[in-house]
Amino acid sequence: MIIACLHTADSNVAVFESAARELGLATEVFRHAVRPDLLEAAERAGGLTDAIARETAAALTALAARADAVLLTCSTLGPSMANVREAPVPVLRTDAALAEKASAVGGKVVALCAVETTVAPTTALFAEAAKRRGVALEVRLVAGAWALFRAGDRDGYLAAIAAAADAAYGDGTAIVALAQASMAGAADLVRGGPRPLTSPRAGLSAALERIAQMAAPVAR
């Protein structure tokens, strides 16, 4: 079994391999592709453009040729999935799996974002899942977090996210979802409520489910 991941940060390789170990998977299942240029281009443009979306879709389609499932791990690039055509295997957004899992909890959902370009696609995605489930939703940007990430201050970055999650629980939130893969490590630092849901674990679980469905014999 091969699960290919398209990342926009090198650090997310370790994040996903950690999530795999939590699920009892060998890290050898992964094929990682890291394209920081795609996110950098989106940040310069103030968001995802048609050209970046097409380039992202092409990268995902190329990965699908040699995998059993493909995960797009960057929330900013998420809407690029609309440009993926006729992939031979499931191509999934990790944040889409996260939105479904968070909405299924019930009560108020708070989705935290660290980078501004992620806010719009995250809001659209989570709002759709929340509407289907009939739950309340709020999307919050963790101010200053992305500057810490860009500066290489991982501890400060995760601490800022954990503080935002604790604040959300203090407001009566039922579950916090960490919308970006790079935020996953902050879940271990949260003390104000349930462990926040993370996109690496949610995405991997969804990929495994889809691979199992594809492998299941067709009933006659």
N, C-alpha and C. Protein backbone atom coordinates (compact mmCIF):
# COMPACT_ATOMS: atom_id res chain seq x y z
N MET A 1 0.85 -1.20 0.00
CA MET A 1 0.00 0.00 0.00
C MET A 1 0.88 1.24 0.00
N ILE A 2 0.57 2.17 -0.87
CA ILE A 2 1.29 3.45 -0.94
C ILE A 2 0.29 4.60 -0.83
N ILE A 3 0.55 5.49 0.11
CA ILE A 3 -0.22 6.73 0.24
C ILE A 3 0.72 7.88 -0.09
N ALA A 4 0.41 8.60 -1.14
CA ALA A 4 1.24 9.73 -1.56
C ALA A 4 0.68 11.01 -0.95
N CYS A 5 1.57 11.85 -0.46
CA CYS A 5 1.17 13.11 0.16
C CYS A 5 1.81 14.28 -0.56
N LEU A 6 1.01 15.28 -0.87
CA LEU A 6 1.54 16.53 -1.42
C LEU A 6 1.54 17.56 -0.31
N HIS A 7 2.75 17.95 0.14
CA HIS A 7 2.93 18.92 1.22
C HIS A 7 3.45 20.24 0.65
N THR A 8 3.34 21.27 1.48
CA THR A 8 3.97 22.56 1.13
C THR A 8 5.02 22.96 2.16
N ALA A 9 5.31 22.08 3.11
CA ALA A 9 6.37 22.34 4.10
C ALA A 9 7.07 21.03 4.42
N ASP A 10 8.39 21.05 4.45
CA ASP A 10 9.18 19.86 4.77
C ASP A 10 8.80 19.28 6.13
N SER A 11 8.49 20.15 7.07
CA SER A 11 8.20 19.69 8.43
C SER A 11 6.97 18.81 8.50
N ASN A 12 6.09 18.90 7.50
CA ASN A 12 4.87 18.09 7.54
C ASN A 12 5.13 16.61 7.25
N VAL A 13 6.28 16.30 6.69
CA VAL A 13 6.63 14.89 6.48
C VAL A 13 6.66 14.17 7.83
N ALA A 14 7.37 14.74 8.79
CA ALA A 14 7.45 14.14 10.12
C ALA A 14 6.08 14.12 10.81
N VAL A 15 5.28 15.15 10.59
CA VAL A 15 3.95 15.23 11.20
C VAL A 15 3.08 14.06 10.73
N PHE A 16 3.12 13.78 9.46
CA PHE A 16 2.30 12.68 8.93
C PHE A 16 2.86 11.32 9.31
N GLU A 17 4.16 11.20 9.39
CA GLU A 17 4.74 9.92 9.81
C GLU A 17 4.41 9.65 11.27
N SER A 18 4.35 10.69 12.09
CA SER A 18 3.94 10.52 13.48
C SER A 18 2.48 10.07 13.57
N ALA A 19 1.62 10.68 12.75
CA ALA A 19 0.20 10.29 12.74
C ALA A 19 0.05 8.85 12.28
N ALA A 20 0.88 8.43 11.33
CA ALA A 20 0.83 7.05 10.85
C ALA A 20 1.17 6.07 11.97
N ARG A 21 2.20 6.39 12.74
CA ARG A 21 2.57 5.51 13.85
C ARG A 21 1.46 5.41 14.87
N GLU A 22 0.75 6.53 15.11
CA GLU A 22 -0.38 6.51 16.04
C GLU A 22 -1.48 5.57 15.56
N LEU A 23 -1.59 5.43 14.25
CA LEU A 23 -2.62 4.56 13.66
C LEU A 23 -2.11 3.15 13.40
N GLY A 24 -0.87 2.87 13.81
CA GLY A 24 -0.33 1.55 13.62
C GLY A 24 0.19 1.27 12.23
N LEU A 25 0.49 2.33 11.48
CA LEU A 25 0.99 2.18 10.12
C LEU A 25 2.50 2.34 10.08
N ALA A 26 3.14 1.59 9.20
CA ALA A 26 4.57 1.78 8.97
C ALA A 26 4.77 3.03 8.11
N THR A 27 5.80 3.78 8.39
CA THR A 27 6.04 5.00 7.62
C THR A 27 6.43 4.70 6.18
N GLU A 28 6.76 3.44 5.92
CA GLU A 28 7.11 3.06 4.55
C GLU A 28 5.94 3.14 3.58
N VAL A 29 4.73 3.32 4.11
CA VAL A 29 3.57 3.42 3.22
C VAL A 29 3.57 4.74 2.45
N PHE A 30 4.35 5.72 2.91
CA PHE A 30 4.27 7.06 2.34
C PHE A 30 5.19 7.26 1.14
N ARG A 31 4.70 8.09 0.23
CA ARG A 31 5.54 8.73 -0.77
C ARG A 31 5.27 10.23 -0.64
N HIS A 32 6.27 10.98 -0.22
CA HIS A 32 6.09 12.40 0.05
C HIS A 32 6.59 13.26 -1.10
N ALA A 33 5.80 14.26 -1.46
CA ALA A 33 6.23 15.29 -2.40
C ALA A 33 6.05 16.63 -1.69
N VAL A 34 7.10 17.45 -1.67
CA VAL A 34 7.05 18.73 -0.96
C VAL A 34 7.18 19.87 -1.97
N ARG A 35 6.17 20.73 -2.00
CA ARG A 35 6.14 21.84 -2.96
C ARG A 35 5.88 23.16 -2.24
N PRO A 36 6.87 23.68 -1.52
CA PRO A 36 6.67 24.97 -0.83
C PRO A 36 6.38 26.11 -1.79
N ASP A 37 6.83 25.97 -3.03
CA ASP A 37 6.61 27.03 -4.01
C ASP A 37 5.14 27.31 -4.27
N LEU A 38 4.31 26.29 -4.14
CA LEU A 38 2.88 26.48 -4.40
C LEU A 38 2.23 27.36 -3.33
N LEU A 39 2.55 27.10 -2.08
CA LEU A 39 2.01 27.93 -1.00
C LEU A 39 2.61 29.33 -1.04
N GLU A 40 3.90 29.43 -1.32
CA GLU A 40 4.54 30.74 -1.40
C GLU A 40 3.90 31.59 -2.50
N ALA A 41 3.57 30.95 -3.62
CA ALA A 41 2.92 31.67 -4.71
C ALA A 41 1.53 32.15 -4.30
N ALA A 42 0.81 31.30 -3.57
CA ALA A 42 -0.53 31.68 -3.10
C ALA A 42 -0.45 32.83 -2.10
N GLU A 43 0.56 32.81 -1.25
CA GLU A 43 0.72 33.89 -0.28
C GLU A 43 1.04 35.21 -0.98
N ARG A 44 1.88 35.14 -2.00
CA ARG A 44 2.20 36.36 -2.75
C ARG A 44 0.97 36.91 -3.46
N ALA A 45 0.12 36.01 -3.95
CA ALA A 45 -1.07 36.42 -4.69
C ALA A 45 -2.24 36.78 -3.78
N GLY A 46 -2.10 36.54 -2.49
CA GLY A 46 -3.19 36.81 -1.56
C GLY A 46 -4.23 35.72 -1.52
N GLY A 47 -3.92 34.58 -2.09
CA GLY A 47 -4.85 33.45 -2.11
C GLY A 47 -4.59 32.56 -3.31
N LEU A 48 -5.38 31.52 -3.43
CA LEU A 48 -5.22 30.56 -4.52
C LEU A 48 -5.69 31.16 -5.84
N THR A 49 -4.85 31.08 -6.86
CA THR A 49 -5.23 31.55 -8.20
C THR A 49 -5.52 30.34 -9.09
N ASP A 50 -6.13 30.59 -10.25
CA ASP A 50 -6.42 29.51 -11.18
C ASP A 50 -5.15 28.80 -11.63
N ALA A 51 -4.09 29.57 -11.86
CA ALA A 51 -2.83 28.98 -12.33
C ALA A 51 -2.23 28.06 -11.26
N ILE A 52 -2.25 28.51 -10.01
CA ILE A 52 -1.71 27.69 -8.92
C ILE A 52 -2.57 26.45 -8.72
N ALA A 53 -3.88 26.60 -8.84
CA ALA A 53 -4.78 25.46 -8.70
C ALA A 53 -4.52 24.42 -9.77
N ARG A 54 -4.28 24.86 -10.99
CA ARG A 54 -4.00 23.91 -12.08
C ARG A 54 -2.68 23.19 -11.85
N GLU A 55 -1.68 23.92 -11.39
CA GLU A 55 -0.37 23.31 -11.13
C GLU A 55 -0.47 22.30 -9.98
N THR A 56 -1.24 22.64 -8.97
CA THR A 56 -1.44 21.72 -7.85
C THR A 56 -2.16 20.46 -8.32
N ALA A 57 -3.19 20.63 -9.12
CA ALA A 57 -3.94 19.48 -9.64
C ALA A 57 -3.05 18.57 -10.48
N ALA A 58 -2.16 19.16 -11.27
CA ALA A 58 -1.24 18.36 -12.08
C ALA A 58 -0.30 17.55 -11.19
N ALA A 59 0.17 18.16 -10.11
CA ALA A 59 1.05 17.45 -9.18
C ALA A 59 0.31 16.29 -8.50
N LEU A 60 -0.94 16.51 -8.13
CA LEU A 60 -1.73 15.46 -7.50
C LEU A 60 -1.98 14.30 -8.46
N THR A 61 -2.30 14.63 -9.70
CA THR A 61 -2.56 13.60 -10.71
C THR A 61 -1.31 12.77 -10.98
N ALA A 62 -0.16 13.42 -11.00
CA ALA A 62 1.10 12.70 -11.21
C ALA A 62 1.35 11.73 -10.06
N LEU A 63 1.08 12.14 -8.84
CA LEU A 63 1.27 11.27 -7.69
C LEU A 63 0.31 10.08 -7.73
N ALA A 64 -0.89 10.30 -8.24
CA ALA A 64 -1.90 9.24 -8.29
C ALA A 64 -1.50 8.09 -9.19
N ALA A 65 -0.60 8.33 -10.11
CA ALA A 65 -0.19 7.27 -11.05
C ALA A 65 0.60 6.17 -10.35
N ARG A 66 1.14 6.47 -9.16
CA ARG A 66 1.98 5.48 -8.48
C ARG A 66 1.62 5.39 -7.00
N ALA A 67 0.33 5.36 -6.70
CA ALA A 67 -0.12 5.29 -5.31
C ALA A 67 -1.50 4.64 -5.25
N ASP A 68 -1.88 4.26 -4.03
CA ASP A 68 -3.22 3.71 -3.81
C ASP A 68 -4.19 4.79 -3.35
N ALA A 69 -3.65 5.91 -2.87
CA ALA A 69 -4.45 7.08 -2.50
C ALA A 69 -3.49 8.26 -2.42
N VAL A 70 -4.04 9.45 -2.63
CA VAL A 70 -3.24 10.68 -2.58
C VAL A 70 -3.90 11.64 -1.60
N LEU A 71 -3.08 12.27 -0.76
CA LEU A 71 -3.58 13.26 0.20
C LEU A 71 -2.98 14.62 -0.12
N LEU A 72 -3.85 15.61 -0.27
CA LEU A 72 -3.42 17.00 -0.36
C LEU A 72 -3.45 17.55 1.06
N THR A 73 -2.28 17.91 1.59
CA THR A 73 -2.19 18.24 3.00
C THR A 73 -2.22 19.74 3.30
N CYS A 74 -2.25 20.58 2.28
CA CYS A 74 -2.24 22.03 2.47
C CYS A 74 -3.64 22.60 2.30
N SER A 75 -4.15 23.24 3.34
CA SER A 75 -5.51 23.78 3.30
C SER A 75 -5.66 24.92 2.30
N THR A 76 -4.64 25.75 2.15
CA THR A 76 -4.72 26.86 1.21
C THR A 76 -4.95 26.35 -0.21
N LEU A 77 -4.33 25.23 -0.54
CA LEU A 77 -4.43 24.66 -1.89
C LEU A 77 -5.66 23.77 -2.07
N GLY A 78 -6.43 23.56 -1.00
CA GLY A 78 -7.53 22.62 -1.04
C GLY A 78 -8.48 22.72 -2.21
N PRO A 79 -8.95 23.94 -2.58
CA PRO A 79 -9.89 24.04 -3.69
C PRO A 79 -9.33 23.58 -5.04
N SER A 80 -8.03 23.35 -5.11
CA SER A 80 -7.43 22.83 -6.35
C SER A 80 -8.00 21.46 -6.72
N MET A 81 -8.58 20.79 -5.75
CA MET A 81 -9.15 19.46 -6.00
C MET A 81 -10.19 19.50 -7.12
N ALA A 82 -10.84 20.63 -7.30
CA ALA A 82 -11.84 20.75 -8.36
C ALA A 82 -11.23 20.58 -9.75
N ASN A 83 -9.91 20.75 -9.86
CA ASN A 83 -9.22 20.64 -11.14
C ASN A 83 -8.68 19.23 -11.40
N VAL A 84 -8.80 18.34 -10.43
CA VAL A 84 -8.31 16.97 -10.61
C VAL A 84 -9.35 16.18 -11.41
N ARG A 85 -8.92 15.63 -12.52
CA ARG A 85 -9.83 14.90 -13.41
C ARG A 85 -9.34 13.47 -13.62
N GLU A 86 -10.22 12.52 -13.46
CA GLU A 86 -9.98 11.12 -13.83
C GLU A 86 -8.73 10.53 -13.19
N ALA A 87 -8.52 10.79 -11.92
CA ALA A 87 -7.41 10.17 -11.21
C ALA A 87 -7.73 8.69 -11.01
N PRO A 88 -6.73 7.80 -11.15
CA PRO A 88 -6.99 6.36 -11.05
C PRO A 88 -7.22 5.87 -9.62
N VAL A 89 -6.92 6.71 -8.62
CA VAL A 89 -7.09 6.34 -7.21
C VAL A 89 -7.72 7.52 -6.47
N PRO A 90 -8.23 7.29 -5.25
CA PRO A 90 -8.81 8.41 -4.50
C PRO A 90 -7.80 9.52 -4.23
N VAL A 91 -8.21 10.75 -4.48
CA VAL A 91 -7.41 11.94 -4.17
C VAL A 91 -8.22 12.75 -3.16
N LEU A 92 -7.67 12.94 -1.97
CA LEU A 92 -8.44 13.47 -0.86
C LEU A 92 -7.79 14.70 -0.25
N ARG A 93 -8.61 15.59 0.29
CA ARG A 93 -8.14 16.71 1.09
C ARG A 93 -8.13 16.29 2.55
N THR A 94 -7.01 16.45 3.23
CA THR A 94 -6.98 16.09 4.64
C THR A 94 -7.91 16.98 5.46
N ASP A 95 -8.06 18.23 5.06
CA ASP A 95 -8.93 19.12 5.84
C ASP A 95 -10.41 18.80 5.63
N ALA A 96 -10.74 18.18 4.49
CA ALA A 96 -12.13 17.77 4.28
C ALA A 96 -12.50 16.65 5.25
N ALA A 97 -11.60 15.71 5.42
CA ALA A 97 -11.83 14.63 6.39
C ALA A 97 -11.94 15.20 7.80
N LEU A 98 -11.13 16.21 8.09
CA LEU A 98 -11.16 16.86 9.41
C LEU A 98 -12.49 17.55 9.63
N ALA A 99 -12.99 18.25 8.63
CA ALA A 99 -14.27 18.97 8.75
C ALA A 99 -15.40 18.00 9.05
N GLU A 100 -15.40 16.86 8.38
CA GLU A 100 -16.46 15.86 8.62
C GLU A 100 -16.37 15.30 10.03
N LYS A 101 -15.17 14.99 10.47
CA LYS A 101 -14.99 14.41 11.80
C LYS A 101 -15.37 15.41 12.89
N ALA A 102 -14.98 16.66 12.72
CA ALA A 102 -15.30 17.68 13.72
C ALA A 102 -16.81 17.93 13.80
N SER A 103 -17.45 18.01 12.66
CA SER A 103 -18.89 18.28 12.64
C SER A 103 -19.69 17.14 13.24
N ALA A 104 -19.16 15.92 13.15
CA ALA A 104 -19.86 14.76 13.69
C ALA A 104 -19.87 14.76 15.22
N VAL A 105 -19.00 15.55 15.84
CA VAL A 105 -18.95 15.59 17.31
C VAL A 105 -20.21 16.21 17.88
N GLY A 106 -20.75 17.21 17.16
CA GLY A 106 -21.93 17.92 17.65
C GLY A 106 -21.53 19.09 18.53
N GLY A 107 -22.45 20.00 18.77
CA GLY A 107 -22.12 21.20 19.53
C GLY A 107 -21.36 22.19 18.66
N LYS A 108 -20.76 23.18 19.29
CA LYS A 108 -20.04 24.21 18.55
C LYS A 108 -18.65 23.73 18.14
N VAL A 109 -18.30 23.95 16.88
CA VAL A 109 -16.99 23.62 16.35
C VAL A 109 -16.21 24.91 16.12
N VAL A 110 -14.98 24.96 16.58
CA VAL A 110 -14.08 26.07 16.25
C VAL A 110 -12.92 25.49 15.45
N ALA A 111 -12.75 26.00 14.24
CA ALA A 111 -11.62 25.60 13.40
C ALA A 111 -10.57 26.70 13.48
N LEU A 112 -9.36 26.33 13.87
CA LEU A 112 -8.27 27.29 13.98
C LEU A 112 -7.39 27.25 12.74
N CYS A 113 -7.03 28.43 12.25
CA CYS A 113 -6.13 28.56 11.10
C CYS A 113 -4.92 29.37 11.55
N ALA A 114 -3.76 29.08 10.96
CA ALA A 114 -2.55 29.82 11.31
C ALA A 114 -2.15 30.81 10.24
N VAL A 115 -2.56 30.57 9.00
CA VAL A 115 -2.15 31.44 7.90
C VAL A 115 -3.39 32.03 7.23
N GLU A 116 -3.33 33.29 6.90
CA GLU A 116 -4.52 34.01 6.41
C GLU A 116 -5.09 33.41 5.13
N THR A 117 -4.22 32.91 4.24
CA THR A 117 -4.71 32.36 2.96
C THR A 117 -5.53 31.09 3.16
N THR A 118 -5.48 30.52 4.36
CA THR A 118 -6.24 29.30 4.64
C THR A 118 -7.66 29.61 5.12
N VAL A 119 -7.89 30.83 5.58
CA VAL A 119 -9.17 31.13 6.23
C VAL A 119 -10.36 30.93 5.29
N ALA A 120 -10.28 31.47 4.07
CA ALA A 120 -11.43 31.37 3.15
C ALA A 120 -11.73 29.92 2.75
N PRO A 121 -10.74 29.13 2.28
CA PRO A 121 -11.06 27.75 1.92
C PRO A 121 -11.49 26.91 3.11
N THR A 122 -10.91 27.18 4.28
CA THR A 122 -11.31 26.43 5.48
C THR A 122 -12.75 26.76 5.86
N THR A 123 -13.10 28.03 5.80
CA THR A 123 -14.46 28.44 6.13
C THR A 123 -15.48 27.78 5.21
N ALA A 124 -15.19 27.79 3.92
CA ALA A 124 -16.12 27.18 2.96
C ALA A 124 -16.29 25.69 3.22
N LEU A 125 -15.20 25.02 3.47
CA LEU A 125 -15.22 23.58 3.68
C LEU A 125 -15.94 23.20 4.96
N PHE A 126 -15.58 23.86 6.05
CA PHE A 126 -16.19 23.53 7.35
C PHE A 126 -17.65 23.96 7.40
N ALA A 127 -17.99 25.06 6.74
CA ALA A 127 -19.38 25.53 6.75
C ALA A 127 -20.30 24.51 6.08
N GLU A 128 -19.81 23.91 5.02
CA GLU A 128 -20.62 22.91 4.32
C GLU A 128 -20.86 21.69 5.21
N ALA A 129 -19.80 21.21 5.88
CA ALA A 129 -19.95 20.06 6.77
C ALA A 129 -20.83 20.41 7.97
N ALA A 130 -20.65 21.61 8.52
CA ALA A 130 -21.44 22.02 9.68
C ALA A 130 -22.92 22.15 9.33
N LYS A 131 -23.21 22.64 8.14
CA LYS A 131 -24.60 22.78 7.72
C LYS A 131 -25.27 21.41 7.60
N ARG A 132 -24.55 20.46 7.04
CA ARG A 132 -25.13 19.12 6.89
C ARG A 132 -25.44 18.51 8.25
N ARG A 133 -24.60 18.79 9.22
CA ARG A 133 -24.76 18.19 10.55
C ARG A 133 -25.60 19.05 11.48
N GLY A 134 -25.87 20.29 11.08
CA GLY A 134 -26.65 21.18 11.92
C GLY A 134 -25.93 21.65 13.16
N VAL A 135 -24.62 21.90 13.03
CA VAL A 135 -23.84 22.35 14.18
C VAL A 135 -23.35 23.78 13.95
N ALA A 136 -23.04 24.46 15.06
CA ALA A 136 -22.51 25.82 14.99
C ALA A 136 -21.02 25.77 14.66
N LEU A 137 -20.56 26.78 13.93
CA LEU A 137 -19.17 26.81 13.49
C LEU A 137 -18.59 28.22 13.63
N GLU A 138 -17.34 28.29 14.05
CA GLU A 138 -16.58 29.53 14.00
C GLU A 138 -15.17 29.20 13.53
N VAL A 139 -14.67 29.98 12.58
CA VAL A 139 -13.30 29.83 12.09
C VAL A 139 -12.49 31.00 12.63
N ARG A 140 -11.38 30.70 13.29
CA ARG A 140 -10.56 31.74 13.90
C ARG A 140 -9.13 31.67 13.36
N LEU A 141 -8.57 32.84 13.09
CA LEU A 141 -7.16 32.95 12.70
C LEU A 141 -6.34 33.21 13.95
N VAL A 142 -5.30 32.40 14.15
CA VAL A 142 -4.42 32.58 15.31
C VAL A 142 -3.41 33.67 14.94
N ALA A 143 -3.65 34.86 15.43
CA ALA A 143 -2.84 36.02 15.06
C ALA A 143 -1.37 35.81 15.42
N GLY A 144 -0.50 36.09 14.46
CA GLY A 144 0.93 36.02 14.69
C GLY A 144 1.55 34.64 14.59
N ALA A 145 0.72 33.61 14.51
CA ALA A 145 1.25 32.24 14.52
C ALA A 145 2.13 31.95 13.30
N TRP A 146 1.69 32.38 12.12
CA TRP A 146 2.42 32.02 10.91
C TRP A 146 3.78 32.71 10.85
N ALA A 147 3.87 33.89 11.41
CA ALA A 147 5.17 34.56 11.47
C ALA A 147 6.15 33.76 12.31
N LEU A 148 5.66 33.14 13.38
CA LEU A 148 6.51 32.28 14.21
C LEU A 148 6.96 31.05 13.42
N PHE A 149 6.03 30.48 12.67
CA PHE A 149 6.37 29.29 11.85
C PHE A 149 7.43 29.65 10.82
N ARG A 150 7.23 30.76 10.13
CA ARG A 150 8.17 31.19 9.10
C ARG A 150 9.55 31.51 9.69
N ALA A 151 9.57 31.94 10.94
CA ALA A 151 10.83 32.28 11.61
C ALA A 151 11.53 31.04 12.16
N GLY A 152 10.88 29.88 12.04
CA GLY A 152 11.48 28.65 12.54
C GLY A 152 11.26 28.42 14.03
N ASP A 153 10.38 29.21 14.64
CA ASP A 153 10.09 29.06 16.07
C ASP A 153 8.93 28.08 16.24
N ARG A 154 9.24 26.79 16.11
CA ARG A 154 8.19 25.77 16.18
C ARG A 154 7.52 25.76 17.55
N ASP A 155 8.30 25.85 18.62
CA ASP A 155 7.72 25.82 19.96
C ASP A 155 6.77 26.99 20.18
N GLY A 156 7.19 28.18 19.75
CA GLY A 156 6.33 29.34 19.89
C GLY A 156 5.06 29.22 19.05
N TYR A 157 5.22 28.69 17.86
CA TYR A 157 4.09 28.47 16.94
C TYR A 157 3.06 27.55 17.58
N LEU A 158 3.51 26.40 18.08
CA LEU A 158 2.58 25.44 18.67
C LEU A 158 1.96 25.97 19.96
N ALA A 159 2.74 26.71 20.73
CA ALA A 159 2.21 27.28 21.97
C ALA A 159 1.11 28.29 21.68
N ALA A 160 1.28 29.11 20.64
CA ALA A 160 0.26 30.09 20.28
C ALA A 160 -1.04 29.41 19.86
N ILE A 161 -0.90 28.32 19.12
CA ILE A 161 -2.08 27.58 18.68
C ILE A 161 -2.78 26.91 19.85
N ALA A 162 -1.99 26.31 20.74
CA ALA A 162 -2.58 25.68 21.92
C ALA A 162 -3.32 26.69 22.79
N ALA A 163 -2.75 27.89 22.93
CA ALA A 163 -3.41 28.94 23.71
C ALA A 163 -4.74 29.33 23.07
N ALA A 164 -4.77 29.40 21.74
CA ALA A 164 -6.01 29.73 21.03
C ALA A 164 -7.05 28.62 21.21
N ALA A 165 -6.60 27.37 21.22
CA ALA A 165 -7.52 26.26 21.44
C ALA A 165 -8.08 26.29 22.85
N ASP A 166 -7.22 26.55 23.84
CA ASP A 166 -7.71 26.65 25.22
C ASP A 166 -8.72 27.79 25.36
N ALA A 167 -8.46 28.91 24.67
CA ALA A 167 -9.40 30.03 24.71
C ALA A 167 -10.74 29.65 24.10
N ALA A 168 -10.71 28.88 23.03
CA ALA A 168 -11.95 28.43 22.39
C ALA A 168 -12.75 27.53 23.33
N TYR A 169 -12.06 26.65 24.02
CA TYR A 169 -12.77 25.80 24.99
C TYR A 169 -13.33 26.64 26.14
N GLY A 170 -12.63 27.69 26.49
CA GLY A 170 -13.13 28.58 27.53
C GLY A 170 -14.41 29.30 27.12
N ASP A 171 -14.64 29.39 25.80
CA ASP A 171 -15.84 30.03 25.27
C ASP A 171 -17.00 29.05 25.12
N GLY A 172 -16.81 27.80 25.54
CA GLY A 172 -17.88 26.82 25.47
C GLY A 172 -17.87 25.97 24.21
N THR A 173 -16.77 25.95 23.50
CA THR A 173 -16.65 25.14 22.28
C THR A 173 -16.67 23.65 22.62
N ALA A 174 -17.36 22.86 21.80
CA ALA A 174 -17.41 21.42 22.02
C ALA A 174 -16.15 20.73 21.53
N ILE A 175 -15.65 21.14 20.35
CA ILE A 175 -14.45 20.54 19.80
C ILE A 175 -13.69 21.57 18.96
N VAL A 176 -12.38 21.54 19.09
CA VAL A 176 -11.50 22.40 18.29
C VAL A 176 -10.87 21.54 17.20
N ALA A 177 -10.84 22.07 16.00
CA ALA A 177 -10.17 21.41 14.88
C ALA A 177 -9.00 22.28 14.43
N LEU A 178 -7.82 21.68 14.32
CA LEU A 178 -6.63 22.40 13.87
C LEU A 178 -6.55 22.22 12.36
N ALA A 179 -6.88 23.29 11.63
CA ALA A 179 -7.17 23.17 10.20
C ALA A 179 -5.95 22.86 9.34
N GLN A 180 -4.75 23.23 9.79
CA GLN A 180 -3.55 23.00 8.98
C GLN A 180 -2.72 21.87 9.57
N ALA A 181 -2.11 21.09 8.69
CA ALA A 181 -1.33 19.94 9.14
C ALA A 181 -0.20 20.35 10.06
N SER A 182 0.42 21.51 9.80
CA SER A 182 1.56 21.95 10.60
C SER A 182 1.18 22.25 12.04
N MET A 183 -0.11 22.37 12.33
CA MET A 183 -0.59 22.71 13.67
C MET A 183 -0.74 21.49 14.57
N ALA A 184 -0.60 20.29 14.02
CA ALA A 184 -0.98 19.07 14.73
C ALA A 184 -0.30 18.92 16.09
N GLY A 185 0.98 19.29 16.18
CA GLY A 185 1.70 19.12 17.44
C GLY A 185 1.12 19.91 18.59
N ALA A 186 0.35 20.95 18.30
CA ALA A 186 -0.25 21.76 19.36
C ALA A 186 -1.32 20.99 20.13
N ALA A 187 -1.87 19.95 19.53
CA ALA A 187 -2.94 19.18 20.19
C ALA A 187 -2.46 18.61 21.52
N ASP A 188 -1.19 18.26 21.61
CA ASP A 188 -0.65 17.67 22.84
C ASP A 188 -0.50 18.69 23.96
N LEU A 189 -0.60 19.97 23.64
CA LEU A 189 -0.37 21.03 24.63
C LEU A 189 -1.66 21.60 25.20
N VAL A 190 -2.78 21.21 24.64
CA VAL A 190 -4.08 21.78 25.02
C VAL A 190 -4.59 21.15 26.31
N ARG A 191 -5.01 21.97 27.25
CA ARG A 191 -5.48 21.48 28.54
C ARG A 191 -6.92 21.90 28.84
N GLY A 192 -7.50 22.79 28.05
CA GLY A 192 -8.80 23.36 28.39
C GLY A 192 -10.01 22.55 27.96
N GLY A 193 -9.79 21.43 27.24
CA GLY A 193 -10.91 20.64 26.76
C GLY A 193 -10.41 19.39 26.07
N PRO A 194 -11.26 18.74 25.28
CA PRO A 194 -10.84 17.52 24.58
C PRO A 194 -9.66 17.78 23.65
N ARG A 195 -8.88 16.75 23.43
CA ARG A 195 -7.74 16.88 22.50
C ARG A 195 -8.26 17.34 21.14
N PRO A 196 -7.75 18.45 20.63
CA PRO A 196 -8.23 18.92 19.32
C PRO A 196 -8.02 17.88 18.22
N LEU A 197 -8.90 17.92 17.24
CA LEU A 197 -8.78 17.04 16.08
C LEU A 197 -7.76 17.63 15.12
N THR A 198 -7.00 16.76 14.45
CA THR A 198 -5.95 17.19 13.54
C THR A 198 -6.15 16.60 12.16
N SER A 199 -5.69 17.33 11.14
CA SER A 199 -5.91 16.88 9.77
C SER A 199 -5.04 15.69 9.36
N PRO A 200 -3.80 15.53 9.86
CA PRO A 200 -3.04 14.34 9.45
C PRO A 200 -3.74 13.04 9.82
N ARG A 201 -4.18 12.95 11.06
CA ARG A 201 -4.83 11.72 11.49
C ARG A 201 -6.17 11.51 10.78
N ALA A 202 -6.95 12.59 10.66
CA ALA A 202 -8.24 12.48 9.98
C ALA A 202 -8.06 12.10 8.51
N GLY A 203 -7.08 12.72 7.85
CA GLY A 203 -6.84 12.43 6.45
C GLY A 203 -6.35 11.02 6.20
N LEU A 204 -5.44 10.56 7.05
CA LEU A 204 -4.94 9.19 6.91
C LEU A 204 -6.06 8.17 7.13
N SER A 205 -6.88 8.41 8.13
CA SER A 205 -8.01 7.50 8.39
C SER A 205 -8.94 7.44 7.19
N ALA A 206 -9.21 8.59 6.59
CA ALA A 206 -10.08 8.63 5.40
C ALA A 206 -9.45 7.90 4.23
N ALA A 207 -8.13 8.06 4.05
CA ALA A 207 -7.45 7.38 2.95
C ALA A 207 -7.50 5.87 3.14
N LEU A 208 -7.27 5.41 4.35
CA LEU A 208 -7.32 3.97 4.62
C LEU A 208 -8.72 3.41 4.35
N GLU A 209 -9.73 4.18 4.74
CA GLU A 209 -11.11 3.74 4.50
C GLU A 209 -11.41 3.63 3.00
N ARG A 210 -10.96 4.62 2.24
CA ARG A 210 -11.20 4.59 0.79
C ARG A 210 -10.43 3.46 0.11
N ILE A 211 -9.20 3.22 0.55
CA ILE A 211 -8.42 2.12 -0.03
C ILE A 211 -9.09 0.79 0.25
N ALA A 212 -9.61 0.63 1.48
CA ALA A 212 -10.32 -0.61 1.84
C ALA A 212 -11.57 -0.79 0.98
N GLN A 213 -12.28 0.31 0.75
CA GLN A 213 -13.48 0.24 -0.08
C GLN A 213 -13.14 -0.17 -1.51
N MET A 214 -12.04 0.37 -2.03
CA MET A 214 -11.63 0.03 -3.39
C MET A 214 -11.22 -1.43 -3.51
N ALA A 215 -10.67 -1.98 -2.41
CA ALA A 215 -10.18 -3.36 -2.44
C ALA A 215 -11.28 -4.38 -2.16
N ALA A 216 -12.38 -3.93 -1.60
CA ALA A 216 -13.47 -4.85 -1.23
C ALA A 216 -14.10 -5.46 -2.49
N PRO A 217 -14.42 -6.76 -2.45
CA PRO A 217 -15.06 -7.39 -3.60
C PRO A 217 -16.45 -6.81 -3.86
N VAL A 218 -16.80 -6.67 -5.11
CA VAL A 218 -18.11 -6.15 -5.49
C VAL A 218 -19.17 -7.22 -5.31
N ALA A 219 -20.24 -6.89 -4.58
CA ALA A 219 -21.32 -7.84 -4.36
C ALA A 219 -22.06 -8.10 -5.65
N ARG A 220 -22.37 -9.35 -5.89
CA ARG A 220 -23.11 -9.73 -7.10
C ARG A 220 -24.49 -10.25 -6.73
